[in-house]
Amino acid sequence: ETALMLHDLLSARGIRDRSRVDLVMPLGAPIPPSPAASAALLTAFAER
């Protein structure tokens, strides 16, 4: 959520095009118990 909200914040400020956002997690998927939620988040990361 933080990474996605940060994308919105940087976009609203007009500096997203000169910024890079990376997310480091110790899990193999964003929400391991829910493959569907993880897939949706990974798609959102790729789109942004």
PDB file of all heavy atoms in Angstrom:
ATOM      1  N   GLU A   1       0.833  -1.201   0.000  1.00  0.00           N
ATOM      2  CA  GLU A   1       0.000   0.000   0.000  1.00  0.00           C
ATOM      3  C   GLU A   1       0.870   1.254   0.000  1.00  0.00           C
ATOM      4  O   GLU A   1       0.580   2.229  -0.705  1.00  0.00           O
ATOM      5  CB  GLU A   1      -0.916   0.008   1.222  1.00  0.00           C
ATOM      6  CG  GLU A   1      -1.958  -1.076   1.238  1.00  0.00           C
ATOM      7  CD  GLU A   1      -2.787  -1.028   2.505  1.00  0.00           C
ATOM      8  OE1 GLU A   1      -2.248  -1.325   3.586  1.00  0.00           O
ATOM      9  OE2 GLU A   1      -3.980  -0.674   2.410  1.00  0.00           O
ATOM     10  N   THR A   2       1.921   1.234   0.807  1.00  0.00           N
ATOM     11  CA  THR A   2       2.809   2.392   0.901  1.00  0.00           C
ATOM     12  C   THR A   2       3.432   2.708  -0.451  1.00  0.00           C
ATOM     13  O   THR A   2       3.484   3.871  -0.875  1.00  0.00           O
ATOM     14  CB  THR A   2       3.906   2.147   1.945  1.00  0.00           C
ATOM     15  OG1 THR A   2       3.298   1.924   3.220  1.00  0.00           O
ATOM     16  CG2 THR A   2       4.846   3.330   2.035  1.00  0.00           C
ATOM     17  N   ALA A   3       3.908   1.678  -1.155  1.00  0.00           N
ATOM     18  CA  ALA A   3       4.524   1.892  -2.465  1.00  0.00           C
ATOM     19  C   ALA A   3       3.521   2.465  -3.455  1.00  0.00           C
ATOM     20  O   ALA A   3       3.838   3.392  -4.224  1.00  0.00           O
ATOM     21  CB  ALA A   3       5.096   0.575  -2.984  1.00  0.00           C
ATOM     22  N   LEU A   4       2.294   1.955  -3.451  1.00  0.00           N
ATOM     23  CA  LEU A   4       1.277   2.437  -4.389  1.00  0.00           C
ATOM     24  C   LEU A   4       0.832   3.850  -4.044  1.00  0.00           C
ATOM     25  O   LEU A   4       0.640   4.695  -4.936  1.00  0.00           O
ATOM     26  CB  LEU A   4       0.080   1.487  -4.383  1.00  0.00           C
ATOM     27  CG  LEU A   4       0.360   0.097  -4.970  1.00  0.00           C
ATOM     28  CD1 LEU A   4      -0.789  -0.856  -4.667  1.00  0.00           C
ATOM     29  CD2 LEU A   4       0.583   0.186  -6.476  1.00  0.00           C
ATOM     30  N   MET A   5       0.661   4.144  -2.751  1.00  0.00           N
ATOM     31  CA  MET A   5       0.281   5.492  -2.346  1.00  0.00           C
ATOM     32  C   MET A   5       1.402   6.484  -2.639  1.00  0.00           C
ATOM     33  O   MET A   5       1.147   7.640  -2.998  1.00  0.00           O
ATOM     34  CB  MET A   5      -0.078   5.499  -0.859  1.00  0.00           C
ATOM     35  CG  MET A   5      -1.328   4.687  -0.535  1.00  0.00           C
ATOM     36  SD  MET A   5      -1.511   4.331   1.235  1.00  0.00           S
ATOM     37  CE  MET A   5      -1.827   5.968   1.873  1.00  0.00           C
ATOM     38  N   LEU A   6       2.636   6.027  -2.482  1.00  0.00           N
ATOM     39  CA  LEU A   6       3.763   6.893  -2.798  1.00  0.00           C
ATOM     40  C   LEU A   6       3.797   7.220  -4.288  1.00  0.00           C
ATOM     41  O   LEU A   6       4.093   8.356  -4.673  1.00  0.00           O
ATOM     42  CB  LEU A   6       5.062   6.217  -2.370  1.00  0.00           C
ATOM     43  CG  LEU A   6       6.332   7.041  -2.522  1.00  0.00           C
ATOM     44  CD1 LEU A   6       6.271   8.288  -1.645  1.00  0.00           C
ATOM     45  CD2 LEU A   6       7.561   6.203  -2.156  1.00  0.00           C
ATOM     46  N   HIS A   7       3.495   6.238  -5.117  1.00  0.00           N
ATOM     47  CA  HIS A   7       3.402   6.492  -6.558  1.00  0.00           C
ATOM     48  C   HIS A   7       2.406   7.611  -6.836  1.00  0.00           C
ATOM     49  O   HIS A   7       2.683   8.531  -7.622  1.00  0.00           O
ATOM     50  CB  HIS A   7       2.978   5.216  -7.287  1.00  0.00           C
ATOM     51  CG  HIS A   7       2.552   5.436  -8.702  1.00  0.00           C
ATOM     52  ND1 HIS A   7       3.441   5.493  -9.756  1.00  0.00           N
ATOM     53  CD2 HIS A   7       1.317   5.656  -9.244  1.00  0.00           C
ATOM     54  CE1 HIS A   7       2.784   5.723 -10.884  1.00  0.00           C
ATOM     55  NE2 HIS A   7       1.500   5.818 -10.594  1.00  0.00           N
ATOM     56  N   ASP A   8       1.246   7.547  -6.201  1.00  0.00           N
ATOM     57  CA  ASP A   8       0.236   8.593  -6.385  1.00  0.00           C
ATOM     58  C   ASP A   8       0.742   9.950  -5.924  1.00  0.00           C
ATOM     59  O   ASP A   8       0.528  10.977  -6.577  1.00  0.00           O
ATOM     60  CB  ASP A   8      -1.040   8.242  -5.617  1.00  0.00           C
ATOM     61  CG  ASP A   8      -1.899   7.209  -6.324  1.00  0.00           C
ATOM     62  OD1 ASP A   8      -1.483   6.714  -7.398  1.00  0.00           O
ATOM     63  OD2 ASP A   8      -2.982   6.889  -5.805  1.00  0.00           O
ATOM     64  N   LEU A   9       1.414   9.962  -4.772  1.00  0.00           N
ATOM     65  CA  LEU A   9       1.921  11.222  -4.229  1.00  0.00           C
ATOM     66  C   LEU A   9       2.951  11.853  -5.159  1.00  0.00           C
ATOM     67  O   LEU A   9       2.881  13.057  -5.457  1.00  0.00           O
ATOM     68  CB  LEU A   9       2.536  10.975  -2.852  1.00  0.00           C
ATOM     69  CG  LEU A   9       3.169  12.184  -2.171  1.00  0.00           C
ATOM     70  CD1 LEU A   9       2.112  13.215  -1.821  1.00  0.00           C
ATOM     71  CD2 LEU A   9       3.935  11.771  -0.920  1.00  0.00           C
ATOM     72  N   LEU A  10       3.890  11.054  -5.632  1.00  0.00           N
ATOM     73  CA  LEU A  10       4.926  11.579  -6.516  1.00  0.00           C
ATOM     74  C   LEU A  10       4.324  12.021  -7.854  1.00  0.00           C
ATOM     75  O   LEU A  10       4.769  13.017  -8.442  1.00  0.00           O
ATOM     76  CB  LEU A  10       6.006  10.518  -6.751  1.00  0.00           C
ATOM     77  CG  LEU A  10       6.781  10.074  -5.503  1.00  0.00           C
ATOM     78  CD1 LEU A  10       7.788   8.984  -5.866  1.00  0.00           C
ATOM     79  CD2 LEU A  10       7.479  11.251  -4.835  1.00  0.00           C
ATOM     80  N   SER A  11       3.321  11.291  -8.327  1.00  0.00           N
ATOM     81  CA  SER A  11       2.645  11.678  -9.574  1.00  0.00           C
ATOM     82  C   SER A  11       1.925  13.002  -9.402  1.00  0.00           C
ATOM     83  O   SER A  11       1.992  13.885 -10.267  1.00  0.00           O
ATOM     84  CB  SER A  11       1.653  10.586 -10.003  1.00  0.00           C
ATOM     85  OG  SER A  11       2.316   9.374 -10.271  1.00  0.00           O
ATOM     86  N   ALA A  12       1.235  13.167  -8.274  1.00  0.00           N
ATOM     87  CA  ALA A  12       0.501  14.409  -8.023  1.00  0.00           C
ATOM     88  C   ALA A  12       1.448  15.593  -7.921  1.00  0.00           C
ATOM     89  O   ALA A  12       1.091  16.716  -8.302  1.00  0.00           O
ATOM     90  CB  ALA A  12      -0.325  14.276  -6.743  1.00  0.00           C
ATOM     91  N   ARG A  13       2.656  15.346  -7.450  1.00  0.00           N
ATOM     92  CA  ARG A  13       3.640  16.422  -7.324  1.00  0.00           C
ATOM     93  C   ARG A  13       4.432  16.641  -8.613  1.00  0.00           C
ATOM     94  O   ARG A  13       5.278  17.538  -8.675  1.00  0.00           O
ATOM     95  CB  ARG A  13       4.607  16.114  -6.172  1.00  0.00           C
ATOM     96  CG  ARG A  13       3.935  16.141  -4.799  1.00  0.00           C
ATOM     97  CD  ARG A  13       4.967  16.048  -3.694  1.00  0.00           C
ATOM     98  NE  ARG A  13       5.990  17.066  -3.870  1.00  0.00           N
ATOM     99  CZ  ARG A  13       7.283  16.900  -3.580  1.00  0.00           C
ATOM    100  NH1 ARG A  13       7.701  15.737  -3.104  1.00  0.00           N
ATOM    101  NH2 ARG A  13       8.149  17.867  -3.763  1.00  0.00           N
ATOM    102  N   GLY A  14       4.179  15.810  -9.612  1.00  0.00           N
ATOM    103  CA  GLY A  14       4.842  15.988 -10.899  1.00  0.00           C
ATOM    104  C   GLY A  14       6.284  15.545 -10.944  1.00  0.00           C
ATOM    105  O   GLY A  14       7.038  15.981 -11.825  1.00  0.00           O
ATOM    106  N   ILE A  15       6.681  14.642 -10.018  1.00  0.00           N
ATOM    107  CA  ILE A  15       8.080  14.208  -9.988  1.00  0.00           C
ATOM    108  C   ILE A  15       8.216  12.691 -10.146  1.00  0.00           C
ATOM    109  O   ILE A  15       9.297  12.145  -9.977  1.00  0.00           O
ATOM    110  CB  ILE A  15       8.782  14.655  -8.685  1.00  0.00           C
ATOM    111  CG1 ILE A  15       8.066  14.095  -7.456  1.00  0.00           C
ATOM    112  CG2 ILE A  15       8.860  16.176  -8.620  1.00  0.00           C
ATOM    113  CD1 ILE A  15       8.797  14.389  -6.147  1.00  0.00           C
ATOM    114  N   ARG A  16       7.117  12.034 -10.507  1.00  0.00           N
ATOM    115  CA  ARG A  16       7.196  10.576 -10.656  1.00  0.00           C
ATOM    116  C   ARG A  16       8.111  10.180 -11.809  1.00  0.00           C
ATOM    117  O   ARG A  16       8.805   9.153 -11.734  1.00  0.00           O
ATOM    118  CB  ARG A  16       5.799   9.987 -10.880  1.00  0.00           C
ATOM    119  CG  ARG A  16       5.763   8.459 -10.987  1.00  0.00           C
ATOM    120  CD  ARG A  16       6.205   7.814  -9.691  1.00  0.00           C
ATOM    121  NE  ARG A  16       6.160   6.362  -9.728  1.00  0.00           N
ATOM    122  CZ  ARG A  16       7.184   5.576 -10.057  1.00  0.00           C
ATOM    123  NH1 ARG A  16       8.364   6.127 -10.367  1.00  0.00           N
ATOM    124  NH2 ARG A  16       7.062   4.265 -10.058  1.00  0.00           N
ATOM    125  N   ASP A  17       8.130  10.998 -12.859  1.00  0.00           N
ATOM    126  CA  ASP A  17       8.932  10.638 -14.036  1.00  0.00           C
ATOM    127  C   ASP A  17      10.428  10.709 -13.756  1.00  0.00           C
ATOM    128  O   ASP A  17      11.225  10.134 -14.507  1.00  0.00           O
ATOM    129  CB  ASP A  17       8.575  11.531 -15.224  1.00  0.00           C
ATOM    130  CG  ASP A  17       8.805  13.009 -14.955  1.00  0.00           C
ATOM    131  OD1 ASP A  17       8.993  13.380 -13.782  1.00  0.00           O
ATOM    132  OD2 ASP A  17       8.798  13.792 -15.928  1.00  0.00           O
ATOM    133  N   ARG A  18      10.825  11.376 -12.697  1.00  0.00           N
ATOM    134  CA  ARG A  18      12.244  11.398 -12.344  1.00  0.00           C
ATOM    135  C   ARG A  18      12.503  10.693 -11.009  1.00  0.00           C
ATOM    136  O   ARG A  18      13.484  10.973 -10.318  1.00  0.00           O
ATOM    137  CB  ARG A  18      12.777  12.829 -12.303  1.00  0.00           C
ATOM    138  CG  ARG A  18      12.115  13.785 -11.332  1.00  0.00           C
ATOM    139  CD  ARG A  18      12.857  15.128 -11.373  1.00  0.00           C
ATOM    140  NE  ARG A  18      12.355  16.088 -10.441  1.00  0.00           N
ATOM    141  CZ  ARG A  18      11.409  16.982 -10.697  1.00  0.00           C
ATOM    142  NH1 ARG A  18      10.849  17.018 -11.912  1.00  0.00           N
ATOM    143  NH2 ARG A  18      11.020  17.852  -9.774  1.00  0.00           N
ATOM    144  N   SER A  19      11.619   9.751 -10.697  1.00  0.00           N
ATOM    145  CA  SER A  19      11.753   8.968  -9.466  1.00  0.00           C
ATOM    146  C   SER A  19      11.633   7.480  -9.774  1.00  0.00           C
ATOM    147  O   SER A  19      11.004   7.087 -10.757  1.00  0.00           O
ATOM    148  CB  SER A  19      10.666   9.349  -8.451  1.00  0.00           C
ATOM    149  OG  SER A  19      10.748  10.709  -8.091  1.00  0.00           O
ATOM    150  N   ARG A  20      12.252   6.698  -8.921  1.00  0.00           N
ATOM    151  CA  ARG A  20      12.118   5.248  -8.985  1.00  0.00           C
ATOM    152  C   ARG A  20      11.618   4.765  -7.633  1.00  0.00           C
ATOM    153  O   ARG A  20      12.081   5.224  -6.590  1.00  0.00           O
ATOM    154  CB  ARG A  20      13.454   4.589  -9.314  1.00  0.00           C
ATOM    155  CG  ARG A  20      13.408   3.065  -9.301  1.00  0.00           C
ATOM    156  CD  ARG A  20      14.725   2.415  -9.637  1.00  0.00           C
ATOM    157  NE  ARG A  20      14.645   0.964  -9.504  1.00  0.00           N
ATOM    158  CZ  ARG A  20      14.205   0.148 -10.463  1.00  0.00           C
ATOM    159  NH1 ARG A  20      13.830   0.643 -11.629  1.00  0.00           N
ATOM    160  NH2 ARG A  20      14.150  -1.167 -10.260  1.00  0.00           N
ATOM    161  N   VAL A  21      10.654   3.841  -7.658  1.00  0.00           N
ATOM    162  CA  VAL A  21      10.103   3.283  -6.429  1.00  0.00           C
ATOM    163  C   VAL A  21      10.342   1.775  -6.434  1.00  0.00           C
ATOM    164  O   VAL A  21       9.988   1.084  -7.394  1.00  0.00           O
ATOM    165  CB  VAL A  21       8.590   3.571  -6.295  1.00  0.00           C
ATOM    166  CG1 VAL A  21       8.043   2.931  -5.014  1.00  0.00           C
ATOM    167  CG2 VAL A  21       8.325   5.068  -6.305  1.00  0.00           C
ATOM    168  N   ASP A  22      10.969   1.278  -5.364  1.00  0.00           N
ATOM    169  CA  ASP A  22      11.218  -0.155  -5.217  1.00  0.00           C
ATOM    170  C   ASP A  22      10.672  -0.634  -3.883  1.00  0.00           C
ATOM    171  O   ASP A  22      10.700   0.102  -2.886  1.00  0.00           O
ATOM    172  CB  ASP A  22      12.723  -0.450  -5.282  1.00  0.00           C
ATOM    173  CG  ASP A  22      13.281  -0.329  -6.689  1.00  0.00           C
ATOM    174  OD1 ASP A  22      13.077  -1.255  -7.482  1.00  0.00           O
ATOM    175  OD2 ASP A  22      13.911   0.708  -6.981  1.00  0.00           O
ATOM    176  N   LEU A  23      10.191  -1.875  -3.871  1.00  0.00           N
ATOM    177  CA  LEU A  23       9.632  -2.483  -2.674  1.00  0.00           C
ATOM    178  C   LEU A  23      10.382  -3.776  -2.375  1.00  0.00           C
ATOM    179  O   LEU A  23      10.463  -4.675  -3.219  1.00  0.00           O
ATOM    180  CB  LEU A  23       8.139  -2.774  -2.876  1.00  0.00           C
ATOM    181  CG  LEU A  23       7.434  -3.598  -1.795  1.00  0.00           C
ATOM    182  CD1 LEU A  23       7.504  -2.909  -0.439  1.00  0.00           C
ATOM    183  CD2 LEU A  23       5.973  -3.841  -2.202  1.00  0.00           C
ATOM    184  N   VAL A  24      10.944  -3.873  -1.165  1.00  0.00           N
ATOM    185  CA  VAL A  24      11.676  -5.056  -0.715  1.00  0.00           C
ATOM    186  C   VAL A  24      10.866  -5.729   0.390  1.00  0.00           C
ATOM    187  O   VAL A  24      10.547  -5.101   1.404  1.00  0.00           O
ATOM    188  CB  VAL A  24      13.070  -4.683  -0.172  1.00  0.00           C
ATOM    189  CG1 VAL A  24      13.781  -5.920   0.365  1.00  0.00           C
ATOM    190  CG2 VAL A  24      13.905  -4.035  -1.255  1.00  0.00           C
ATOM    191  N   MET A  25      10.532  -7.011   0.184  1.00  0.00           N
ATOM    192  CA  MET A  25       9.760  -7.744   1.187  1.00  0.00           C
ATOM    193  C   MET A  25      10.345  -9.138   1.382  1.00  0.00           C
ATOM    194  O   MET A  25      10.853  -9.737   0.437  1.00  0.00           O
ATOM    195  CB  MET A  25       8.291  -7.863   0.758  1.00  0.00           C
ATOM    196  CG  MET A  25       7.500  -6.571   0.863  1.00  0.00           C
ATOM    197  SD  MET A  25       5.749  -6.818   0.449  1.00  0.00           S
ATOM    198  CE  MET A  25       5.231  -7.879   1.784  1.00  0.00           C
ATOM    199  N   PRO A  26      10.251  -9.681   2.604  1.00  0.00           N
ATOM    200  CA  PRO A  26      10.781 -11.014   2.869  1.00  0.00           C
ATOM    201  C   PRO A  26       9.846 -12.137   2.439  1.00  0.00           C
ATOM    202  O   PRO A  26      10.140 -13.313   2.674  1.00  0.00           O
ATOM    203  CB  PRO A  26      10.960 -11.016   4.392  1.00  0.00           C
ATOM    204  CG  PRO A  26       9.902 -10.093   4.883  1.00  0.00           C
ATOM    205  CD  PRO A  26       9.786  -9.014   3.834  1.00  0.00           C
ATOM    206  N   LEU A  27       8.719 -11.791   1.834  1.00  0.00           N
ATOM    207  CA  LEU A  27       7.740 -12.782   1.392  1.00  0.00           C
ATOM    208  C   LEU A  27       7.889 -13.040  -0.100  1.00  0.00           C
ATOM    209  O   LEU A  27       8.337 -12.180  -0.851  1.00  0.00           O
ATOM    210  CB  LEU A  27       6.317 -12.295   1.692  1.00  0.00           C
ATOM    211  CG  LEU A  27       6.038 -11.856   3.136  1.00  0.00           C
ATOM    212  CD1 LEU A  27       4.618 -11.319   3.249  1.00  0.00           C
ATOM    213  CD2 LEU A  27       6.268 -12.994   4.103  1.00  0.00           C
ATOM    214  N   GLY A  28       7.435 -14.213  -0.535  1.00  0.00           N
ATOM    215  CA  GLY A  28       7.503 -14.538  -1.949  1.00  0.00           C
ATOM    216  C   GLY A  28       6.402 -13.917  -2.767  1.00  0.00           C
ATOM    217  O   GLY A  28       6.462 -13.882  -4.002  1.00  0.00           O
ATOM    218  N   ALA A  29       5.370 -13.430  -2.097  1.00  0.00           N
ATOM    219  CA  ALA A  29       4.238 -12.765  -2.746  1.00  0.00           C
ATOM    220  C   ALA A  29       3.758 -11.667  -1.810  1.00  0.00           C
ATOM    221  O   ALA A  29       3.955 -11.757  -0.589  1.00  0.00           O
ATOM    222  CB  ALA A  29       3.111 -13.761  -3.032  1.00  0.00           C
ATOM    223  N   PRO A  30       3.105 -10.618  -2.333  1.00  0.00           N
ATOM    224  CA  PRO A  30       2.667  -9.533  -1.449  1.00  0.00           C
ATOM    225  C   PRO A  30       1.740  -9.987  -0.332  1.00  0.00           C
ATOM    226  O   PRO A  30       1.853  -9.534   0.804  1.00  0.00           O
ATOM    227  CB  PRO A  30       1.957  -8.573  -2.414  1.00  0.00           C
ATOM    228  CG  PRO A  30       2.614  -8.811  -3.735  1.00  0.00           C
ATOM    229  CD  PRO A  30       2.896 -10.291  -3.765  1.00  0.00           C
ATOM    230  N   ILE A  31       0.807 -10.899  -0.641  1.00  0.00           N
ATOM    231  CA  ILE A  31      -0.118 -11.435   0.357  1.00  0.00           C
ATOM    232  C   ILE A  31      -0.204 -12.939   0.125  1.00  0.00           C
ATOM    233  O   ILE A  31      -1.106 -13.431  -0.566  1.00  0.00           O
ATOM    234  CB  ILE A  31      -1.516 -10.783   0.261  1.00  0.00           C
ATOM    235  CG1 ILE A  31      -1.400  -9.251   0.302  1.00  0.00           C
ATOM    236  CG2 ILE A  31      -2.421 -11.270   1.387  1.00  0.00           C
ATOM    237  CD1 ILE A  31      -2.718  -8.533   0.137  1.00  0.00           C
ATOM    238  N   PRO A  32       0.719 -13.721   0.672  1.00  0.00           N
ATOM    239  CA  PRO A  32       0.819 -15.146   0.336  1.00  0.00           C
ATOM    240  C   PRO A  32      -0.467 -15.962   0.465  1.00  0.00           C
ATOM    241  O   PRO A  32      -0.735 -16.810  -0.399  1.00  0.00           O
ATOM    242  CB  PRO A  32       1.912 -15.638   1.295  1.00  0.00           C
ATOM    243  CG  PRO A  32       2.769 -14.442   1.519  1.00  0.00           C
ATOM    244  CD  PRO A  32       1.815 -13.281   1.566  1.00  0.00           C
ATOM    245  N   PRO A  33      -1.315 -15.749   1.505  1.00  0.00           N
ATOM    246  CA  PRO A  33      -2.516 -16.595   1.601  1.00  0.00           C
ATOM    247  C   PRO A  33      -3.537 -16.355   0.487  1.00  0.00           C
ATOM    248  O   PRO A  33      -4.423 -17.182   0.288  1.00  0.00           O
ATOM    249  CB  PRO A  33      -3.109 -16.227   2.965  1.00  0.00           C
ATOM    250  CG  PRO A  33      -1.991 -15.615   3.723  1.00  0.00           C
ATOM    251  CD  PRO A  33      -1.170 -14.904   2.700  1.00  0.00           C
ATOM    252  N   SER A  34      -3.429 -15.225  -0.217  1.00  0.00           N
ATOM    253  CA  SER A  34      -4.384 -14.900  -1.269  1.00  0.00           C
ATOM    254  C   SER A  34      -3.662 -14.695  -2.595  1.00  0.00           C
ATOM    255  O   SER A  34      -3.221 -13.592  -2.906  1.00  0.00           O
ATOM    256  CB  SER A  34      -5.180 -13.630  -0.916  1.00  0.00           C
ATOM    257  OG  SER A  34      -6.034 -13.266  -1.987  1.00  0.00           O
ATOM    258  N   PRO A  35      -3.539 -15.739  -3.418  1.00  0.00           N
ATOM    259  CA  PRO A  35      -2.894 -15.586  -4.729  1.00  0.00           C
ATOM    260  C   PRO A  35      -3.559 -14.521  -5.601  1.00  0.00           C
ATOM    261  O   PRO A  35      -2.878 -13.810  -6.336  1.00  0.00           O
ATOM    262  CB  PRO A  35      -3.028 -16.981  -5.344  1.00  0.00           C
ATOM    263  CG  PRO A  35      -3.116 -17.907  -4.169  1.00  0.00           C
ATOM    264  CD  PRO A  35      -3.890 -17.147  -3.134  1.00  0.00           C
ATOM    265  N   ALA A  36      -4.889 -14.393  -5.495  1.00  0.00           N
ATOM    266  CA  ALA A  36      -5.587 -13.404  -6.319  1.00  0.00           C
ATOM    267  C   ALA A  36      -5.200 -11.985  -5.920  1.00  0.00           C
ATOM    268  O   ALA A  36      -4.977 -11.119  -6.776  1.00  0.00           O
ATOM    269  CB  ALA A  36      -7.097 -13.594  -6.194  1.00  0.00           C
ATOM    270  N   ALA A  37      -5.124 -11.723  -4.618  1.00  0.00           N
ATOM    271  CA  ALA A  37      -4.727 -10.393  -4.149  1.00  0.00           C
ATOM    272  C   ALA A  37      -3.287 -10.114  -4.539  1.00  0.00           C
ATOM    273  O   ALA A  37      -2.950  -9.000  -4.963  1.00  0.00           O
ATOM    274  CB  ALA A  37      -4.905 -10.295  -2.645  1.00  0.00           C
ATOM    275  N   SER A  38      -2.418 -11.113  -4.404  1.00  0.00           N
ATOM    276  CA  SER A  38      -1.011 -10.937  -4.768  1.00  0.00           C
ATOM    277  C   SER A  38      -0.878 -10.629  -6.249  1.00  0.00           C
ATOM    278  O   SER A  38      -0.110  -9.743  -6.649  1.00  0.00           O
ATOM    279  CB  SER A  38      -0.219 -12.201  -4.420  1.00  0.00           C
ATOM    280  OG  SER A  38      -0.169 -12.391  -3.020  1.00  0.00           O
ATOM    281  N   ALA A  39      -1.628 -11.354  -7.088  1.00  0.00           N
ATOM    282  CA  ALA A  39      -1.560 -11.118  -8.532  1.00  0.00           C
ATOM    283  C   ALA A  39      -2.027  -9.709  -8.872  1.00  0.00           C
ATOM    284  O   ALA A  39      -1.437  -9.034  -9.736  1.00  0.00           O
ATOM    285  CB  ALA A  39      -2.411 -12.155  -9.264  1.00  0.00           C
ATOM    286  N   ALA A  40      -3.080  -9.247  -8.192  1.00  0.00           N
ATOM    287  CA  ALA A  40      -3.587  -7.895  -8.456  1.00  0.00           C
ATOM    288  C   ALA A  40      -2.551  -6.843  -8.078  1.00  0.00           C
ATOM    289  O   ALA A  40      -2.356  -5.845  -8.789  1.00  0.00           O
ATOM    290  CB  ALA A  40      -4.890  -7.666  -7.701  1.00  0.00           C
ATOM    291  N   LEU A  41      -1.876  -7.047  -6.962  1.00  0.00           N
ATOM    292  CA  LEU A  41      -0.849  -6.100  -6.531  1.00  0.00           C
ATOM    293  C   LEU A  41       0.355  -6.120  -7.472  1.00  0.00           C
ATOM    294  O   LEU A  41       0.886  -5.064  -7.833  1.00  0.00           O
ATOM    295  CB  LEU A  41      -0.407  -6.401  -5.102  1.00  0.00           C
ATOM    296  CG  LEU A  41      -1.404  -5.997  -4.010  1.00  0.00           C
ATOM    297  CD1 LEU A  41      -1.027  -6.610  -2.673  1.00  0.00           C
ATOM    298  CD2 LEU A  41      -1.484  -4.468  -3.891  1.00  0.00           C
ATOM    299  N   LEU A  42       0.776  -7.292  -7.892  1.00  0.00           N
ATOM    300  CA  LEU A  42       1.908  -7.379  -8.817  1.00  0.00           C
ATOM    301  C   LEU A  42       1.574  -6.704 -10.145  1.00  0.00           C
ATOM    302  O   LEU A  42       2.430  -6.062 -10.764  1.00  0.00           O
ATOM    303  CB  LEU A  42       2.298  -8.838  -9.038  1.00  0.00           C
ATOM    304  CG  LEU A  42       2.915  -9.541  -7.817  1.00  0.00           C
ATOM    305  CD1 LEU A  42       3.158 -11.013  -8.118  1.00  0.00           C
ATOM    306  CD2 LEU A  42       4.208  -8.861  -7.394  1.00  0.00           C
ATOM    307  N   THR A  43       0.331  -6.847 -10.593  1.00  0.00           N
ATOM    308  CA  THR A  43      -0.099  -6.146 -11.807  1.00  0.00           C
ATOM    309  C   THR A  43      -0.049  -4.641 -11.605  1.00  0.00           C
ATOM    310  O   THR A  43       0.414  -3.895 -12.474  1.00  0.00           O
ATOM    311  CB  THR A  43      -1.526  -6.579 -12.191  1.00  0.00           C
ATOM    312  OG1 THR A  43      -1.525  -7.978 -12.516  1.00  0.00           O
ATOM    313  CG2 THR A  43      -2.030  -5.792 -13.396  1.00  0.00           C
ATOM    314  N   ALA A  44      -0.502  -4.197 -10.431  1.00  0.00           N
ATOM    315  CA  ALA A  44      -0.472  -2.758 -10.126  1.00  0.00           C
ATOM    316  C   ALA A  44       0.966  -2.251 -10.080  1.00  0.00           C
ATOM    317  O   ALA A  44       1.255  -1.143 -10.566  1.00  0.00           O
ATOM    318  CB  ALA A  44      -1.175  -2.485  -8.795  1.00  0.00           C
ATOM    319  N   PHE A  45       1.885  -3.032  -9.526  1.00  0.00           N
ATOM    320  CA  PHE A  45       3.294  -2.622  -9.508  1.00  0.00           C
ATOM    321  C   PHE A  45       3.823  -2.477 -10.935  1.00  0.00           C
ATOM    322  O   PHE A  45       4.500  -1.495 -11.264  1.00  0.00           O
ATOM    323  CB  PHE A  45       4.151  -3.655  -8.773  1.00  0.00           C
ATOM    324  CG  PHE A  45       3.828  -3.831  -7.317  1.00  0.00           C
ATOM    325  CD1 PHE A  45       4.217  -4.991  -6.653  1.00  0.00           C
ATOM    326  CD2 PHE A  45       3.136  -2.864  -6.599  1.00  0.00           C
ATOM    327  CE1 PHE A  45       3.927  -5.171  -5.309  1.00  0.00           C
ATOM    328  CE2 PHE A  45       2.843  -3.034  -5.260  1.00  0.00           C
ATOM    329  CZ  PHE A  45       3.238  -4.197  -4.619  1.00  0.00           C
ATOM    330  N   ALA A  46       3.528  -3.467 -11.767  1.00  0.00           N
ATOM    331  CA  ALA A  46       4.033  -3.448 -13.143  1.00  0.00           C
ATOM    332  C   ALA A  46       3.473  -2.260 -13.914  1.00  0.00           C
ATOM    333  O   ALA A  46       4.192  -1.596 -14.679  1.00  0.00           O
ATOM    334  CB  ALA A  46       3.682  -4.758 -13.840  1.00  0.00           C
ATOM    335  N   GLU A  47       2.200  -1.962 -13.726  1.00  0.00           N
ATOM    336  CA  GLU A  47       1.570  -0.839 -14.426  1.00  0.00           C
ATOM    337  C   GLU A  47       2.187   0.493 -14.020  1.00  0.00           C
ATOM    338  O   GLU A  47       2.237   1.431 -14.826  1.00  0.00           O
ATOM    339  CB  GLU A  47       0.064  -0.817 -14.135  1.00  0.00           C
ATOM    340  CG  GLU A  47      -0.697  -1.978 -14.769  1.00  0.00           C
ATOM    341  CD  GLU A  47      -2.148  -2.024 -14.326  1.00  0.00           C
ATOM    342  OE1 GLU A  47      -2.504  -1.326 -13.345  1.00  0.00           O
ATOM    343  OE2 GLU A  47      -2.919  -2.774 -14.938  1.00  0.00           O
ATOM    344  N   ARG A  48       2.653   0.576 -12.787  1.00  0.00           N
ATOM    345  CA  ARG A  48       3.176   1.842 -12.270  1.00  0.00           C
ATOM    346  C   ARG A  48       4.707   1.896 -12.271  1.00  0.00           C
ATOM    347  O   ARG A  48       5.289   2.878 -11.826  1.00  0.00           O
ATOM    348  CB  ARG A  48       2.655   2.066 -10.846  1.00  0.00           C
ATOM    349  CG  ARG A  48       1.142   2.302 -10.793  1.00  0.00           C
ATOM    350  CD  ARG A  48       0.602   2.016  -9.406  1.00  0.00           C
ATOM    351  NE  ARG A  48      -0.818   2.315  -9.288  1.00  0.00           N
ATOM    352  CZ  ARG A  48      -1.787   1.537  -9.741  1.00  0.00           C
ATOM    353  NH1 ARG A  48      -1.490   0.392 -10.355  1.00  0.00           N
ATOM    354  NH2 ARG A  48      -3.054   1.879  -9.593  1.00  0.00           N
TER     355      ARG A  48
END
